[in-house]
Amino acid sequence: MSEPQTTTWLLPWVSPDGKTCFLVSDGKGEGGFSRVADRVETVQLDMAYGLLDHAAGMLGDSKVPEQELRFLGCQLSAALRDVCRLAESVRAPVGVGVGDGVGVGVGVRWL
């Protein structure tokens, strides 16, 4: 009898202490965490596109205060980090198997 096939996917968020999160599933992608991850990805992309539009307007205005530009830079950096994490998550399932010594929390693993 063979063991059930598990697949590990990189999630579009990190744990509260900044560790990368993974979803360990049966590979069907039909669970609650998969749907939550899909919604988070949609929000992250929408926010990134919105920030890009906002940045275009701000960067074209020579009267924008330095503090606002610095804040914009921080927000753009965070959005880029999210988008990079999304790009990594769609490449392929991550090869972390059950019992690899990674932390587990409510169906999610983090390294």
N, C-alpha and C. Protein backbone atom coordinates (compact mmCIF):
# COMPACT_ATOMS: atom_id res chain seq x y z
N MET A 1 0.85 -1.18 0.00
CA MET A 1 0.00 0.00 0.00
C MET A 1 0.89 1.24 0.00
N SER A 2 0.67 2.14 -0.92
CA SER A 2 1.49 3.34 -1.02
C SER A 2 0.94 4.44 -0.12
N GLU A 3 1.85 5.31 0.30
CA GLU A 3 1.44 6.44 1.13
C GLU A 3 0.76 7.49 0.27
N PRO A 4 -0.17 8.27 0.86
CA PRO A 4 -0.83 9.32 0.08
C PRO A 4 0.18 10.34 -0.42
N GLN A 5 -0.03 10.81 -1.64
CA GLN A 5 0.84 11.81 -2.25
C GLN A 5 0.56 13.18 -1.62
N THR A 6 1.59 13.84 -1.15
CA THR A 6 1.42 15.19 -0.62
C THR A 6 2.20 16.17 -1.48
N THR A 7 1.67 17.36 -1.60
CA THR A 7 2.30 18.43 -2.35
C THR A 7 2.44 19.62 -1.43
N THR A 8 3.55 20.31 -1.53
CA THR A 8 3.80 21.48 -0.70
C THR A 8 3.89 22.70 -1.61
N TRP A 9 3.09 23.73 -1.29
CA TRP A 9 3.04 24.96 -2.09
C TRP A 9 3.47 26.14 -1.25
N LEU A 10 4.22 27.02 -1.86
CA LEU A 10 4.61 28.27 -1.22
C LEU A 10 3.39 29.17 -1.14
N LEU A 11 3.09 29.68 0.05
CA LEU A 11 1.93 30.56 0.25
C LEU A 11 2.33 32.02 0.04
N PRO A 12 1.36 32.88 -0.29
CA PRO A 12 1.67 34.28 -0.59
C PRO A 12 1.81 35.17 0.64
N TRP A 13 2.13 34.61 1.79
CA TRP A 13 2.34 35.41 2.99
C TRP A 13 3.41 34.75 3.83
N VAL A 14 3.85 35.44 4.85
CA VAL A 14 4.82 34.90 5.79
C VAL A 14 4.19 34.82 7.16
N SER A 15 4.82 34.07 8.06
CA SER A 15 4.33 33.95 9.43
C SER A 15 4.56 35.27 10.15
N PRO A 16 3.96 35.45 11.32
CA PRO A 16 4.15 36.71 12.06
C PRO A 16 5.61 37.05 12.34
N ASP A 17 6.47 36.03 12.43
CA ASP A 17 7.89 36.30 12.66
C ASP A 17 8.71 36.27 11.38
N GLY A 18 8.02 36.36 10.21
CA GLY A 18 8.71 36.52 8.94
C GLY A 18 9.15 35.25 8.25
N LYS A 19 8.73 34.08 8.76
CA LYS A 19 9.13 32.82 8.13
C LYS A 19 8.24 32.52 6.93
N THR A 20 8.83 31.91 5.92
CA THR A 20 8.10 31.51 4.72
C THR A 20 7.06 30.45 5.09
N CYS A 21 5.85 30.57 4.54
CA CYS A 21 4.77 29.62 4.83
C CYS A 21 4.51 28.73 3.62
N PHE A 22 4.19 27.48 3.92
CA PHE A 22 3.88 26.50 2.89
C PHE A 22 2.56 25.82 3.24
N LEU A 23 1.84 25.41 2.21
CA LEU A 23 0.63 24.63 2.37
C LEU A 23 0.96 23.20 1.98
N VAL A 24 0.70 22.27 2.87
CA VAL A 24 0.90 20.86 2.57
C VAL A 24 -0.47 20.27 2.29
N SER A 25 -0.65 19.74 1.07
CA SER A 25 -1.97 19.22 0.69
C SER A 25 -1.84 17.90 -0.04
N ASP A 26 -3.00 17.36 -0.40
CA ASP A 26 -3.03 16.12 -1.16
C ASP A 26 -2.81 16.36 -2.65
N GLY A 27 -2.52 17.61 -3.01
CA GLY A 27 -2.23 17.95 -4.40
C GLY A 27 -3.43 18.33 -5.22
N LYS A 28 -4.63 18.22 -4.66
CA LYS A 28 -5.84 18.54 -5.42
C LYS A 28 -6.14 20.02 -5.44
N GLY A 29 -5.62 20.77 -4.45
CA GLY A 29 -5.80 22.22 -4.43
C GLY A 29 -7.23 22.66 -4.19
N GLU A 30 -8.01 21.84 -3.48
CA GLU A 30 -9.41 22.16 -3.27
C GLU A 30 -9.73 22.54 -1.84
N GLY A 31 -8.74 22.66 -0.98
CA GLY A 31 -8.98 22.94 0.42
C GLY A 31 -9.21 24.41 0.71
N GLY A 32 -9.60 24.68 1.96
CA GLY A 32 -9.87 26.05 2.39
C GLY A 32 -8.66 26.96 2.30
N PHE A 33 -7.48 26.45 2.65
CA PHE A 33 -6.28 27.28 2.59
C PHE A 33 -5.96 27.66 1.15
N SER A 34 -6.22 26.78 0.21
CA SER A 34 -5.97 27.10 -1.20
C SER A 34 -6.84 28.27 -1.64
N ARG A 35 -8.10 28.25 -1.22
CA ARG A 35 -9.00 29.35 -1.60
C ARG A 35 -8.58 30.65 -0.92
N VAL A 36 -8.17 30.58 0.33
CA VAL A 36 -7.70 31.78 1.03
C VAL A 36 -6.45 32.32 0.34
N ALA A 37 -5.53 31.44 -0.01
CA ALA A 37 -4.30 31.87 -0.70
C ALA A 37 -4.63 32.54 -2.03
N ASP A 38 -5.60 31.99 -2.76
CA ASP A 38 -6.00 32.60 -4.03
C ASP A 38 -6.55 34.01 -3.81
N ARG A 39 -7.37 34.18 -2.76
CA ARG A 39 -7.93 35.52 -2.47
C ARG A 39 -6.83 36.49 -2.06
N VAL A 40 -5.89 36.03 -1.24
CA VAL A 40 -4.79 36.89 -0.81
C VAL A 40 -3.96 37.31 -2.01
N GLU A 41 -3.68 36.38 -2.90
CA GLU A 41 -2.91 36.70 -4.11
C GLU A 41 -3.62 37.76 -4.94
N THR A 42 -4.93 37.64 -5.08
CA THR A 42 -5.70 38.62 -5.85
C THR A 42 -5.60 40.00 -5.21
N VAL A 43 -5.75 40.07 -3.89
CA VAL A 43 -5.64 41.34 -3.18
C VAL A 43 -4.25 41.93 -3.34
N GLN A 44 -3.22 41.09 -3.18
CA GLN A 44 -1.84 41.58 -3.30
C GLN A 44 -1.58 42.16 -4.69
N LEU A 45 -2.03 41.48 -5.72
CA LEU A 45 -1.82 41.99 -7.08
C LEU A 45 -2.60 43.27 -7.32
N ASP A 46 -3.85 43.32 -6.85
CA ASP A 46 -4.65 44.54 -7.00
C ASP A 46 -3.98 45.72 -6.30
N MET A 47 -3.44 45.47 -5.10
CA MET A 47 -2.76 46.54 -4.36
C MET A 47 -1.50 46.99 -5.09
N ALA A 48 -0.75 46.04 -5.64
CA ALA A 48 0.47 46.39 -6.37
C ALA A 48 0.15 47.25 -7.59
N TYR A 49 -0.87 46.86 -8.35
CA TYR A 49 -1.27 47.66 -9.52
C TYR A 49 -1.74 49.05 -9.09
N GLY A 50 -2.51 49.11 -8.00
CA GLY A 50 -2.97 50.41 -7.50
C GLY A 50 -1.81 51.30 -7.08
N LEU A 51 -0.81 50.71 -6.41
CA LEU A 51 0.37 51.47 -6.00
C LEU A 51 1.14 51.99 -7.21
N LEU A 52 1.25 51.17 -8.24
CA LEU A 52 1.95 51.61 -9.45
C LEU A 52 1.26 52.83 -10.07
N ASP A 53 -0.06 52.78 -10.14
CA ASP A 53 -0.80 53.93 -10.67
C ASP A 53 -0.59 55.16 -9.81
N HIS A 54 -0.65 54.96 -8.49
CA HIS A 54 -0.46 56.07 -7.55
C HIS A 54 0.96 56.64 -7.67
N ALA A 55 1.94 55.75 -7.79
CA ALA A 55 3.34 56.18 -7.90
C ALA A 55 3.56 57.00 -9.16
N ALA A 56 2.95 56.60 -10.24
CA ALA A 56 3.13 57.33 -11.50
C ALA A 56 2.69 58.78 -11.34
N GLY A 57 1.58 58.99 -10.66
CA GLY A 57 1.10 60.35 -10.43
C GLY A 57 2.00 61.13 -9.48
N MET A 58 2.44 60.48 -8.41
CA MET A 58 3.28 61.17 -7.43
C MET A 58 4.65 61.53 -8.01
N LEU A 59 5.23 60.60 -8.74
CA LEU A 59 6.57 60.84 -9.27
C LEU A 59 6.58 61.91 -10.36
N GLY A 60 5.45 62.15 -10.95
CA GLY A 60 5.35 63.20 -11.96
C GLY A 60 5.09 64.58 -11.38
N ASP A 61 4.90 64.65 -10.07
CA ASP A 61 4.60 65.92 -9.39
C ASP A 61 5.81 66.37 -8.58
N SER A 62 6.44 67.43 -8.99
CA SER A 62 7.67 67.91 -8.32
C SER A 62 7.38 68.52 -6.95
N LYS A 63 6.13 68.71 -6.60
CA LYS A 63 5.79 69.32 -5.31
C LYS A 63 5.46 68.30 -4.22
N VAL A 64 5.58 67.02 -4.51
CA VAL A 64 5.29 65.99 -3.51
C VAL A 64 6.40 66.03 -2.44
N PRO A 65 6.01 66.11 -1.16
CA PRO A 65 7.00 66.15 -0.07
C PRO A 65 7.84 64.86 -0.01
N GLU A 66 9.07 65.03 0.45
CA GLU A 66 10.01 63.91 0.55
C GLU A 66 9.46 62.79 1.42
N GLN A 67 8.78 63.13 2.52
CA GLN A 67 8.21 62.12 3.41
C GLN A 67 7.21 61.24 2.67
N GLU A 68 6.39 61.83 1.82
CA GLU A 68 5.41 61.06 1.06
C GLU A 68 6.09 60.14 0.07
N LEU A 69 7.16 60.63 -0.56
CA LEU A 69 7.90 59.78 -1.49
C LEU A 69 8.58 58.62 -0.77
N ARG A 70 9.11 58.89 0.42
CA ARG A 70 9.73 57.83 1.22
C ARG A 70 8.70 56.77 1.60
N PHE A 71 7.50 57.22 2.02
CA PHE A 71 6.42 56.30 2.36
C PHE A 71 6.01 55.48 1.13
N LEU A 72 5.90 56.14 -0.01
CA LEU A 72 5.58 55.45 -1.25
C LEU A 72 6.62 54.38 -1.56
N GLY A 73 7.89 54.73 -1.38
CA GLY A 73 8.96 53.76 -1.61
C GLY A 73 8.84 52.53 -0.72
N CYS A 74 8.49 52.74 0.53
CA CYS A 74 8.29 51.62 1.46
C CYS A 74 7.13 50.74 1.01
N GLN A 75 6.04 51.37 0.61
CA GLN A 75 4.87 50.61 0.15
C GLN A 75 5.16 49.86 -1.14
N LEU A 76 5.89 50.49 -2.05
CA LEU A 76 6.27 49.82 -3.29
C LEU A 76 7.19 48.63 -3.01
N SER A 77 8.09 48.80 -2.06
CA SER A 77 9.00 47.71 -1.67
C SER A 77 8.21 46.52 -1.12
N ALA A 78 7.24 46.79 -0.27
CA ALA A 78 6.42 45.71 0.30
C ALA A 78 5.61 45.02 -0.79
N ALA A 79 5.05 45.80 -1.71
CA ALA A 79 4.26 45.22 -2.80
C ALA A 79 5.14 44.38 -3.71
N LEU A 80 6.35 44.86 -3.99
CA LEU A 80 7.26 44.09 -4.83
C LEU A 80 7.64 42.78 -4.15
N ARG A 81 7.86 42.82 -2.84
CA ARG A 81 8.16 41.60 -2.09
C ARG A 81 7.01 40.59 -2.24
N ASP A 82 5.76 41.07 -2.11
CA ASP A 82 4.60 40.20 -2.26
C ASP A 82 4.52 39.62 -3.67
N VAL A 83 4.75 40.46 -4.67
CA VAL A 83 4.67 40.00 -6.06
C VAL A 83 5.78 38.99 -6.35
N CYS A 84 6.96 39.21 -5.80
CA CYS A 84 8.05 38.24 -5.98
C CYS A 84 7.68 36.90 -5.34
N ARG A 85 7.06 36.95 -4.15
CA ARG A 85 6.62 35.72 -3.49
C ARG A 85 5.57 35.01 -4.34
N LEU A 86 4.67 35.78 -4.96
CA LEU A 86 3.67 35.19 -5.85
C LEU A 86 4.33 34.52 -7.04
N ALA A 87 5.31 35.19 -7.61
CA ALA A 87 6.01 34.62 -8.77
C ALA A 87 6.69 33.31 -8.39
N GLU A 88 7.29 33.27 -7.22
CA GLU A 88 7.92 32.03 -6.74
C GLU A 88 6.88 30.94 -6.53
N SER A 89 5.71 31.31 -6.02
CA SER A 89 4.70 30.30 -5.70
C SER A 89 4.09 29.66 -6.93
N VAL A 90 4.09 30.35 -8.06
CA VAL A 90 3.49 29.76 -9.27
C VAL A 90 4.49 28.98 -10.11
N ARG A 91 5.75 29.05 -9.77
CA ARG A 91 6.77 28.31 -10.54
C ARG A 91 6.50 26.82 -10.50
N ALA A 92 6.39 26.27 -9.30
CA ALA A 92 6.18 24.82 -9.14
C ALA A 92 5.97 24.53 -7.67
N PRO A 93 5.41 23.38 -7.36
CA PRO A 93 5.30 22.99 -5.96
C PRO A 93 6.68 22.92 -5.33
N VAL A 94 6.76 23.25 -4.06
CA VAL A 94 8.02 23.19 -3.33
C VAL A 94 8.20 21.76 -2.84
N GLY A 95 9.39 21.23 -2.95
CA GLY A 95 9.64 19.84 -2.58
C GLY A 95 9.92 19.61 -1.12
N VAL A 96 9.08 20.06 -0.24
CA VAL A 96 9.25 19.79 1.19
C VAL A 96 8.30 18.66 1.55
N GLY A 97 8.84 17.55 2.00
CA GLY A 97 7.99 16.41 2.34
C GLY A 97 7.62 16.41 3.80
N VAL A 98 6.62 15.62 4.15
CA VAL A 98 6.21 15.49 5.54
C VAL A 98 7.37 14.91 6.33
N GLY A 99 7.62 15.47 7.48
CA GLY A 99 8.69 14.98 8.33
C GLY A 99 10.05 15.55 8.01
N ASP A 100 10.13 16.63 7.27
CA ASP A 100 11.41 17.24 6.92
C ASP A 100 11.93 18.18 7.99
N GLY A 101 11.30 18.20 9.14
CA GLY A 101 11.79 19.03 10.23
C GLY A 101 11.39 20.49 10.13
N VAL A 102 10.34 20.79 9.40
CA VAL A 102 9.86 22.16 9.32
C VAL A 102 8.70 22.31 10.29
N GLY A 103 8.48 23.54 10.75
CA GLY A 103 7.38 23.79 11.67
C GLY A 103 6.04 23.61 10.99
N VAL A 104 5.05 23.19 11.75
CA VAL A 104 3.72 22.99 11.19
C VAL A 104 2.72 23.75 12.03
N GLY A 105 1.76 24.43 11.38
CA GLY A 105 0.71 25.14 12.11
C GLY A 105 -0.56 25.16 11.30
N VAL A 106 -1.60 24.53 11.78
CA VAL A 106 -2.93 24.52 11.18
C VAL A 106 -2.88 24.24 9.68
N GLY A 107 -2.23 23.17 9.28
CA GLY A 107 -2.17 22.82 7.88
C GLY A 107 -1.14 23.60 7.07
N VAL A 108 -0.44 24.49 7.74
CA VAL A 108 0.56 25.31 7.07
C VAL A 108 1.91 24.99 7.68
N ARG A 109 2.94 24.93 6.84
CA ARG A 109 4.31 24.73 7.32
C ARG A 109 5.10 26.00 7.07
N TRP A 110 6.06 26.27 7.91
CA TRP A 110 6.93 27.41 7.66
C TRP A 110 8.36 27.00 7.96
N LEU A 111 9.28 27.62 7.23
CA LEU A 111 10.72 27.34 7.40
C LEU A 111 11.39 28.53 8.02
